[in-house]
Amino acid sequence: MKLDILAFAAHPDDVEISAAGTLLKYISEGKSAGIIDLTEGELGTRGTVQTRYEEAEAAAKLLGISARENLRIKDGFFEHTEENKRLIIKQIRRFQPEIVLANSILDRHPDHGRAAKLVADACHLAGLRKIETEWEEKPQEAFRPRLVLHYIQDYYIQPNFVVDVSEFMDKKIEVIKAYKTQFYNPNSTEPSTPISGEEFFDFLKGRMMSIGRPAGMKYAEGFTIDRIVGVKDLFDLK
């Protein structure tokens, strides 16, 4: 199955919080997308591994993505090992995405920055034909995505460009709320976290408004990239 966009996340819900609007936008235009969760989020303060799987499945249905996989790398302790890189390389070669979305390059949670580097490195290595991998007992061809973009998470990072997702803001919030154990629930007896308060959605909307405002957009999602981006037509720029 070839996908147009493949989004990676250190934990289930990372993509939904920071890039769900972008996925919704392109899926609505006929593009195909999938999500690869690196870990099961087993160290999360709230919920369980089982509820995270259930919530991730519910979010996937709301997004309309074509595939979702979990690599079951160890939450909180994964490193830049050959084993972990090969797990990601297999998914890149399996789905052959034009665009890869990955975690923020720097963030409050140390897993996010590590995941950003791990995925970016794997995207490069996936294009080297002398690295041999198999999927379903068949050799995989080398493949390198055209773009590796990093979404912005808790820490503010100046984006290199922004995507207008104003039309999909309400749907994005619905997708995020599929993670019932992780976000605001007045009846929850679990400990509070930085994202479980009622005010988190105000923060999220405010962040998206501040990112979009300079480009004349009501709500936007921002991305960074480690190289210069070219455009064919200056009149496409906002």
C-alpha atoms as a PDB file:
ATOM      1  CA  MET A   1       0.000   0.000   0.000  1.00  0.00           C
ATOM      2  CA  LYS A   2       1.525   3.301  -1.089  1.00  0.00           C
ATOM      3  CA  LEU A   3       0.596   6.356   0.989  1.00  0.00           C
ATOM      4  CA  ASP A   4       0.950  10.034   0.177  1.00  0.00           C
ATOM      5  CA  ILE A   5       1.645  11.012   3.798  1.00  0.00           C
ATOM      6  CA  LEU A   6       3.036   8.885   6.631  1.00  0.00           C
ATOM      7  CA  ALA A   7       3.003  10.490  10.082  1.00  0.00           C
ATOM      8  CA  PHE A   8       5.177   9.155  12.891  1.00  0.00           C
ATOM      9  CA  ALA A   9       4.529   9.706  16.590  1.00  0.00           C
ATOM     10  CA  ALA A  10       6.529   8.893  19.694  1.00  0.00           C
ATOM     11  CA  HIS A  11       3.201   8.299  21.484  1.00  0.00           C
ATOM     12  CA  PRO A  12      -0.378   7.731  20.381  1.00  0.00           C
ATOM     13  CA  ASP A  13      -2.053  11.196  20.219  1.00  0.00           C
ATOM     14  CA  ASP A  14       1.116  13.153  19.255  1.00  0.00           C
ATOM     15  CA  VAL A  15       0.045  13.368  15.607  1.00  0.00           C
ATOM     16  CA  GLU A  16      -3.553  14.184  16.479  1.00  0.00           C
ATOM     17  CA  ILE A  17      -2.614  17.123  18.706  1.00  0.00           C
ATOM     18  CA  SER A  18      -0.164  18.721  16.309  1.00  0.00           C
ATOM     19  CA  ALA A  19      -0.996  17.617  12.763  1.00  0.00           C
ATOM     20  CA  ALA A  20      -4.554  16.242  12.632  1.00  0.00           C
ATOM     21  CA  GLY A  21      -5.755  19.308  10.737  1.00  0.00           C
ATOM     22  CA  THR A  22      -3.172  18.774   8.020  1.00  0.00           C
ATOM     23  CA  LEU A  23      -4.087  15.108   7.650  1.00  0.00           C
ATOM     24  CA  LEU A  24      -7.800  15.945   7.527  1.00  0.00           C
ATOM     25  CA  LYS A  25      -7.152  18.586   4.869  1.00  0.00           C
ATOM     26  CA  TYR A  26      -5.238  16.327   2.511  1.00  0.00           C
ATOM     27  CA  ILE A  27      -7.440  13.293   3.073  1.00  0.00           C
ATOM     28  CA  SER A  28     -10.419  15.475   2.125  1.00  0.00           C
ATOM     29  CA  GLU A  29      -8.585  16.268  -1.135  1.00  0.00           C
ATOM     30  CA  GLY A  30      -8.159  12.587  -1.959  1.00  0.00           C
ATOM     31  CA  LYS A  31      -4.683  11.987  -0.557  1.00  0.00           C
ATOM     32  CA  SER A  32      -3.939   8.837   1.445  1.00  0.00           C
ATOM     33  CA  ALA A  33      -2.329   8.939   4.883  1.00  0.00           C
ATOM     34  CA  GLY A  34      -1.268   6.671   7.713  1.00  0.00           C
ATOM     35  CA  ILE A  35       0.162   6.880  11.224  1.00  0.00           C
ATOM     36  CA  ILE A  36       2.993   4.894  12.805  1.00  0.00           C
ATOM     37  CA  ASP A  37       3.128   5.096  16.611  1.00  0.00           C
ATOM     38  CA  LEU A  38       6.589   4.229  17.875  1.00  0.00           C
ATOM     39  CA  THR A  39       5.515   3.286  21.410  1.00  0.00           C
ATOM     40  CA  GLU A  40       2.358   2.187  23.175  1.00  0.00           C
ATOM     41  CA  GLY A  41       2.543   5.168  25.542  1.00  0.00           C
ATOM     42  CA  GLU A  42       2.812   2.713  28.403  1.00  0.00           C
ATOM     43  CA  LEU A  43       4.458   5.234  30.726  1.00  0.00           C
ATOM     44  CA  GLY A  44       1.622   7.735  30.357  1.00  0.00           C
ATOM     45  CA  THR A  45       0.212   9.042  33.632  1.00  0.00           C
ATOM     46  CA  ARG A  46      -3.385   8.435  32.596  1.00  0.00           C
ATOM     47  CA  GLY A  47      -5.085   5.489  30.960  1.00  0.00           C
ATOM     48  CA  THR A  48      -3.624   2.089  30.070  1.00  0.00           C
ATOM     49  CA  VAL A  49      -2.018   0.487  27.039  1.00  0.00           C
ATOM     50  CA  GLN A  50      -5.374  -1.086  26.204  1.00  0.00           C
ATOM     51  CA  THR A  51      -7.269   2.216  26.359  1.00  0.00           C
ATOM     52  CA  ARG A  52      -4.585   3.899  24.256  1.00  0.00           C
ATOM     53  CA  TYR A  53      -5.070   1.298  21.523  1.00  0.00           C
ATOM     54  CA  GLU A  54      -8.840   1.730  21.661  1.00  0.00           C
ATOM     55  CA  GLU A  55      -8.544   5.505  21.542  1.00  0.00           C
ATOM     56  CA  ALA A  56      -5.988   5.422  18.711  1.00  0.00           C
ATOM     57  CA  GLU A  57      -8.349   3.251  16.681  1.00  0.00           C
ATOM     58  CA  ALA A  58     -11.249   5.644  17.305  1.00  0.00           C
ATOM     59  CA  ALA A  59      -9.097   8.626  16.295  1.00  0.00           C
ATOM     60  CA  ALA A  60      -7.947   6.814  13.138  1.00  0.00           C
ATOM     61  CA  LYS A  61     -11.552   6.266  12.066  1.00  0.00           C
ATOM     62  CA  LEU A  62     -12.403   9.931  12.599  1.00  0.00           C
ATOM     63  CA  LEU A  63      -9.331  10.990  10.604  1.00  0.00           C
ATOM     64  CA  GLY A  64     -10.061   8.596   7.773  1.00  0.00           C
ATOM     65  CA  ILE A  65      -6.489   7.329   7.541  1.00  0.00           C
ATOM     66  CA  SER A  66      -5.704   4.200   5.536  1.00  0.00           C
ATOM     67  CA  ALA A  67      -3.336   2.500   7.995  1.00  0.00           C
ATOM     68  CA  ARG A  68      -2.122   2.676  11.578  1.00  0.00           C
ATOM     69  CA  GLU A  69       0.624   0.582  13.147  1.00  0.00           C
ATOM     70  CA  ASN A  70       2.398   0.490  16.501  1.00  0.00           C
ATOM     71  CA  LEU A  71       6.076  -0.529  16.560  1.00  0.00           C
ATOM     72  CA  ARG A  72       6.026  -1.239  20.329  1.00  0.00           C
ATOM     73  CA  ILE A  73       9.366   0.440  20.967  1.00  0.00           C
ATOM     74  CA  LYS A  74       9.979   0.999  24.685  1.00  0.00           C
ATOM     75  CA  ASP A  75       8.321   4.206  25.873  1.00  0.00           C
ATOM     76  CA  GLY A  76      10.694   6.644  27.559  1.00  0.00           C
ATOM     77  CA  PHE A  77      13.817   4.578  26.968  1.00  0.00           C
ATOM     78  CA  PHE A  78      14.144   4.101  23.214  1.00  0.00           C
ATOM     79  CA  GLU A  79      17.481   5.027  21.680  1.00  0.00           C
ATOM     80  CA  HIS A  80      19.012   5.560  18.241  1.00  0.00           C
ATOM     81  CA  THR A  81      19.839   1.914  17.741  1.00  0.00           C
ATOM     82  CA  GLU A  82      20.157   0.003  14.490  1.00  0.00           C
ATOM     83  CA  GLU A  83      17.211  -2.162  15.551  1.00  0.00           C
ATOM     84  CA  ASN A  84      14.899   0.818  15.997  1.00  0.00           C
ATOM     85  CA  LYS A  85      16.030   2.448  12.773  1.00  0.00           C
ATOM     86  CA  ARG A  86      15.379  -0.760  10.869  1.00  0.00           C
ATOM     87  CA  LEU A  87      11.840  -0.982  12.288  1.00  0.00           C
ATOM     88  CA  ILE A  88      11.124   2.481  10.889  1.00  0.00           C
ATOM     89  CA  ILE A  89      12.934   1.854   7.601  1.00  0.00           C
ATOM     90  CA  LYS A  90      10.652  -1.144   6.989  1.00  0.00           C
ATOM     91  CA  GLN A  91       7.553   1.041   7.389  1.00  0.00           C
ATOM     92  CA  ILE A  92       8.935   3.733   5.093  1.00  0.00           C
ATOM     93  CA  ARG A  93       9.746   1.188   2.394  1.00  0.00           C
ATOM     94  CA  ARG A  94       6.411  -0.548   2.947  1.00  0.00           C
ATOM     95  CA  PHE A  95       4.274   2.572   2.473  1.00  0.00           C
ATOM     96  CA  GLN A  96       6.624   4.649   0.259  1.00  0.00           C
ATOM     97  CA  PRO A  97       5.226   8.039   1.324  1.00  0.00           C
ATOM     98  CA  GLU A  98       5.933  11.239  -0.551  1.00  0.00           C
ATOM     99  CA  ILE A  99       5.852  13.144   2.745  1.00  0.00           C
ATOM    100  CA  VAL A 100       6.790  12.040   6.255  1.00  0.00           C
ATOM    101  CA  LEU A 101       5.611  13.937   9.329  1.00  0.00           C
ATOM    102  CA  ALA A 102       7.626  13.479  12.515  1.00  0.00           C
ATOM    103  CA  ASN A 103       7.765  14.733  16.081  1.00  0.00           C
ATOM    104  CA  SER A 104       9.022  18.146  17.084  1.00  0.00           C
ATOM    105  CA  ILE A 105      12.798  18.566  16.979  1.00  0.00           C
ATOM    106  CA  LEU A 106      12.789  19.862  20.597  1.00  0.00           C
ATOM    107  CA  ASP A 107      10.081  19.587  23.224  1.00  0.00           C
ATOM    108  CA  ARG A 108       9.148  19.233  26.884  1.00  0.00           C
ATOM    109  CA  HIS A 109       8.953  15.453  26.612  1.00  0.00           C
ATOM    110  CA  PRO A 110      12.421  14.059  25.794  1.00  0.00           C
ATOM    111  CA  ASP A 111      10.910  11.286  23.667  1.00  0.00           C
ATOM    112  CA  HIS A 112       9.703  13.834  21.117  1.00  0.00           C
ATOM    113  CA  GLY A 113      13.110  15.190  20.152  1.00  0.00           C
ATOM    114  CA  ARG A 114      14.622  11.700  20.128  1.00  0.00           C
ATOM    115  CA  ALA A 115      11.814  10.416  17.916  1.00  0.00           C
ATOM    116  CA  ALA A 116      12.301  13.361  15.539  1.00  0.00           C
ATOM    117  CA  LYS A 117      15.946  12.480  15.028  1.00  0.00           C
ATOM    118  CA  LEU A 118      15.286   8.739  14.845  1.00  0.00           C
ATOM    119  CA  VAL A 119      12.651   9.091  12.134  1.00  0.00           C
ATOM    120  CA  ALA A 120      14.651  11.649  10.141  1.00  0.00           C
ATOM    121  CA  ASP A 121      17.711   9.400  10.155  1.00  0.00           C
ATOM    122  CA  ALA A 122      15.629   6.374   9.146  1.00  0.00           C
ATOM    123  CA  CYS A 123      14.125   8.317   6.230  1.00  0.00           C
ATOM    124  CA  HIS A 124      17.612   8.927   4.864  1.00  0.00           C
ATOM    125  CA  LEU A 125      18.819   5.394   5.469  1.00  0.00           C
ATOM    126  CA  ALA A 126      15.702   3.930   3.826  1.00  0.00           C
ATOM    127  CA  GLY A 127      17.033   5.261   0.526  1.00  0.00           C
ATOM    128  CA  LEU A 128      20.288   3.287   0.719  1.00  0.00           C
ATOM    129  CA  ARG A 129      19.940   0.104  -1.332  1.00  0.00           C
ATOM    130  CA  LYS A 130      22.747  -1.689   0.522  1.00  0.00           C
ATOM    131  CA  ILE A 131      20.626  -1.677   3.689  1.00  0.00           C
ATOM    132  CA  GLU A 132      18.563  -4.825   3.230  1.00  0.00           C
ATOM    133  CA  THR A 133      15.146  -5.300   4.810  1.00  0.00           C
ATOM    134  CA  GLU A 134      12.194  -7.605   4.306  1.00  0.00           C
ATOM    135  CA  TRP A 135       8.444  -7.293   4.707  1.00  0.00           C
ATOM    136  CA  GLU A 136       6.294 -10.408   4.807  1.00  0.00           C
ATOM    137  CA  GLU A 137       9.383 -12.434   3.842  1.00  0.00           C
ATOM    138  CA  LYS A 138       9.932 -10.421   0.655  1.00  0.00           C
ATOM    139  CA  PRO A 139      12.925  -8.116   0.025  1.00  0.00           C
ATOM    140  CA  GLN A 140      12.069  -4.421   0.117  1.00  0.00           C
ATOM    141  CA  GLU A 141      13.272  -1.841  -2.376  1.00  0.00           C
ATOM    142  CA  ALA A 142      15.171   1.225  -1.217  1.00  0.00           C
ATOM    143  CA  PHE A 143      12.954   4.288  -0.928  1.00  0.00           C
ATOM    144  CA  ARG A 144      13.458   7.805   0.446  1.00  0.00           C
ATOM    145  CA  PRO A 145      10.573  10.236   1.116  1.00  0.00           C
ATOM    146  CA  ARG A 146      10.679  13.540  -0.735  1.00  0.00           C
ATOM    147  CA  LEU A 147      10.008  15.628   2.379  1.00  0.00           C
ATOM    148  CA  VAL A 148      10.520  15.090   6.110  1.00  0.00           C
ATOM    149  CA  LEU A 149       8.545  17.661   8.094  1.00  0.00           C
ATOM    150  CA  HIS A 150       8.498  18.116  11.862  1.00  0.00           C
ATOM    151  CA  TYR A 151       5.292  19.248  13.523  1.00  0.00           C
ATOM    152  CA  ILE A 152       5.332  21.614  16.506  1.00  0.00           C
ATOM    153  CA  GLN A 153       4.264  20.342  19.919  1.00  0.00           C
ATOM    154  CA  ASP A 154       4.302  21.834  23.424  1.00  0.00           C
ATOM    155  CA  TYR A 155       7.300  24.171  23.070  1.00  0.00           C
ATOM    156  CA  TYR A 156       6.842  26.976  20.592  1.00  0.00           C
ATOM    157  CA  ILE A 157       9.224  26.711  17.637  1.00  0.00           C
ATOM    158  CA  GLN A 158       9.226  29.235  14.809  1.00  0.00           C
ATOM    159  CA  PRO A 159       7.731  27.315  11.868  1.00  0.00           C
ATOM    160  CA  ASN A 160       9.351  27.316   8.446  1.00  0.00           C
ATOM    161  CA  PHE A 161       5.875  27.269   6.920  1.00  0.00           C
ATOM    162  CA  VAL A 162       2.263  26.871   8.025  1.00  0.00           C
ATOM    163  CA  VAL A 163      -0.749  24.983   6.644  1.00  0.00           C
ATOM    164  CA  ASP A 164      -4.222  26.540   6.732  1.00  0.00           C
ATOM    165  CA  VAL A 165      -6.496  24.120   8.617  1.00  0.00           C
ATOM    166  CA  SER A 166      -9.243  26.577   9.584  1.00  0.00           C
ATOM    167  CA  GLU A 167     -11.896  24.485   7.861  1.00  0.00           C
ATOM    168  CA  PHE A 168     -10.936  21.429   9.911  1.00  0.00           C
ATOM    169  CA  MET A 169     -10.522  22.931  13.382  1.00  0.00           C
ATOM    170  CA  ASP A 170     -13.727  21.514  14.871  1.00  0.00           C
ATOM    171  CA  LYS A 171     -13.052  18.067  13.426  1.00  0.00           C
ATOM    172  CA  LYS A 172      -9.506  18.164  14.789  1.00  0.00           C
ATOM    173  CA  ILE A 173     -10.802  18.788  18.316  1.00  0.00           C
ATOM    174  CA  GLU A 174     -13.216  15.879  17.891  1.00  0.00           C
ATOM    175  CA  VAL A 175     -10.320  13.648  16.831  1.00  0.00           C
ATOM    176  CA  ILE A 176      -8.217  14.662  19.846  1.00  0.00           C
ATOM    177  CA  LYS A 177     -11.108  14.039  22.223  1.00  0.00           C
ATOM    178  CA  ALA A 178     -11.192  10.424  21.040  1.00  0.00           C
ATOM    179  CA  TYR A 179      -8.390  10.007  23.601  1.00  0.00           C
ATOM    180  CA  LYS A 180     -10.876  10.106  26.451  1.00  0.00           C
ATOM    181  CA  THR A 181      -8.442   9.114  29.173  1.00  0.00           C
ATOM    182  CA  GLN A 182      -5.833  11.695  28.217  1.00  0.00           C
ATOM    183  CA  PHE A 183      -7.830  14.916  27.998  1.00  0.00           C
ATOM    184  CA  TYR A 184     -10.314  16.829  30.108  1.00  0.00           C
ATOM    185  CA  ASN A 185     -12.931  14.747  31.852  1.00  0.00           C
ATOM    186  CA  PRO A 186     -14.577  16.310  34.929  1.00  0.00           C
ATOM    187  CA  ASN A 187     -15.426  12.835  36.243  1.00  0.00           C
ATOM    188  CA  SER A 188     -11.899  11.448  35.971  1.00  0.00           C
ATOM    189  CA  THR A 189     -10.164  10.390  39.170  1.00  0.00           C
ATOM    190  CA  GLU A 190      -6.744  10.083  37.530  1.00  0.00           C
ATOM    191  CA  PRO A 191      -3.868  12.518  38.200  1.00  0.00           C
ATOM    192  CA  SER A 192      -3.716  15.818  36.346  1.00  0.00           C
ATOM    193  CA  THR A 193      -1.251  16.250  33.503  1.00  0.00           C
ATOM    194  CA  PRO A 194      -0.207  19.236  31.343  1.00  0.00           C
ATOM    195  CA  ILE A 195      -2.829  18.231  28.733  1.00  0.00           C
ATOM    196  CA  SER A 196      -5.693  17.026  30.943  1.00  0.00           C
ATOM    197  CA  GLY A 197      -6.984  20.425  32.056  1.00  0.00           C
ATOM    198  CA  GLU A 198     -10.038  22.080  30.544  1.00  0.00           C
ATOM    199  CA  GLU A 199      -7.838  24.987  29.451  1.00  0.00           C
ATOM    200  CA  PHE A 200      -5.669  22.806  27.178  1.00  0.00           C
ATOM    201  CA  PHE A 201      -8.011  23.243  24.232  1.00  0.00           C
ATOM    202  CA  ASP A 202      -7.916  27.023  24.687  1.00  0.00           C
ATOM    203  CA  PHE A 203      -4.123  26.803  24.571  1.00  0.00           C
ATOM    204  CA  LEU A 204      -4.257  24.645  21.472  1.00  0.00           C
ATOM    205  CA  LYS A 205      -6.612  26.978  19.618  1.00  0.00           C
ATOM    206  CA  GLY A 206      -4.564  30.003  20.698  1.00  0.00           C
ATOM    207  CA  ARG A 207      -1.353  28.385  19.439  1.00  0.00           C
ATOM    208  CA  MET A 208      -2.947  27.615  16.085  1.00  0.00           C
ATOM    209  CA  MET A 209      -4.307  31.157  15.818  1.00  0.00           C
ATOM    210  CA  SER A 210      -0.908  32.680  16.611  1.00  0.00           C
ATOM    211  CA  ILE A 211       0.789  30.447  14.043  1.00  0.00           C
ATOM    212  CA  GLY A 212      -1.778  31.261  11.380  1.00  0.00           C
ATOM    213  CA  ARG A 213      -2.196  34.991  11.973  1.00  0.00           C
ATOM    214  CA  PRO A 214       0.990  36.205  10.185  1.00  0.00           C
ATOM    215  CA  ALA A 215      -0.124  34.312   7.064  1.00  0.00           C
ATOM    216  CA  GLY A 216      -3.687  35.622   7.226  1.00  0.00           C
ATOM    217  CA  MET A 217      -5.124  32.296   8.385  1.00  0.00           C
ATOM    218  CA  LYS A 218      -7.522  31.802  11.285  1.00  0.00           C
ATOM    219  CA  TYR A 219      -6.078  28.444  12.348  1.00  0.00           C
ATOM    220  CA  ALA A 220      -2.886  26.854  11.084  1.00  0.00           C
ATOM    221  CA  GLU A 221      -0.467  24.061  11.895  1.00  0.00           C
ATOM    222  CA  GLY A 222       3.231  24.808  11.649  1.00  0.00           C
ATOM    223  CA  PHE A 223       6.117  22.664  10.497  1.00  0.00           C
ATOM    224  CA  THR A 224       9.895  22.856  10.427  1.00  0.00           C
ATOM    225  CA  ILE A 225      12.275  21.349   7.885  1.00  0.00           C
ATOM    226  CA  ASP A 226      16.049  21.092   7.895  1.00  0.00           C
ATOM    227  CA  ARG A 227      16.567  22.247   4.319  1.00  0.00           C
ATOM    228  CA  ILE A 228      15.494  25.022   1.968  1.00  0.00           C
ATOM    229  CA  VAL A 229      12.047  24.522   0.462  1.00  0.00           C
ATOM    230  CA  GLY A 230      11.449  25.571  -3.134  1.00  0.00           C
ATOM    231  CA  VAL A 231       8.233  26.683  -4.850  1.00  0.00           C
ATOM    232  CA  LYS A 232       7.279  26.611  -8.523  1.00  0.00           C
ATOM    233  CA  ASP A 233       5.074  29.684  -8.389  1.00  0.00           C
ATOM    234  CA  LEU A 234       5.549  32.757  -6.180  1.00  0.00           C
ATOM    235  CA  PHE A 235       1.839  33.502  -6.527  1.00  0.00           C
ATOM    236  CA  ASP A 236       1.053  30.364  -4.529  1.00  0.00           C
ATOM    237  CA  LEU A 237       2.693  31.916  -1.469  1.00  0.00           C
ATOM    238  CA  LYS A 238       0.472  33.559   1.140  1.00  0.00           C
END
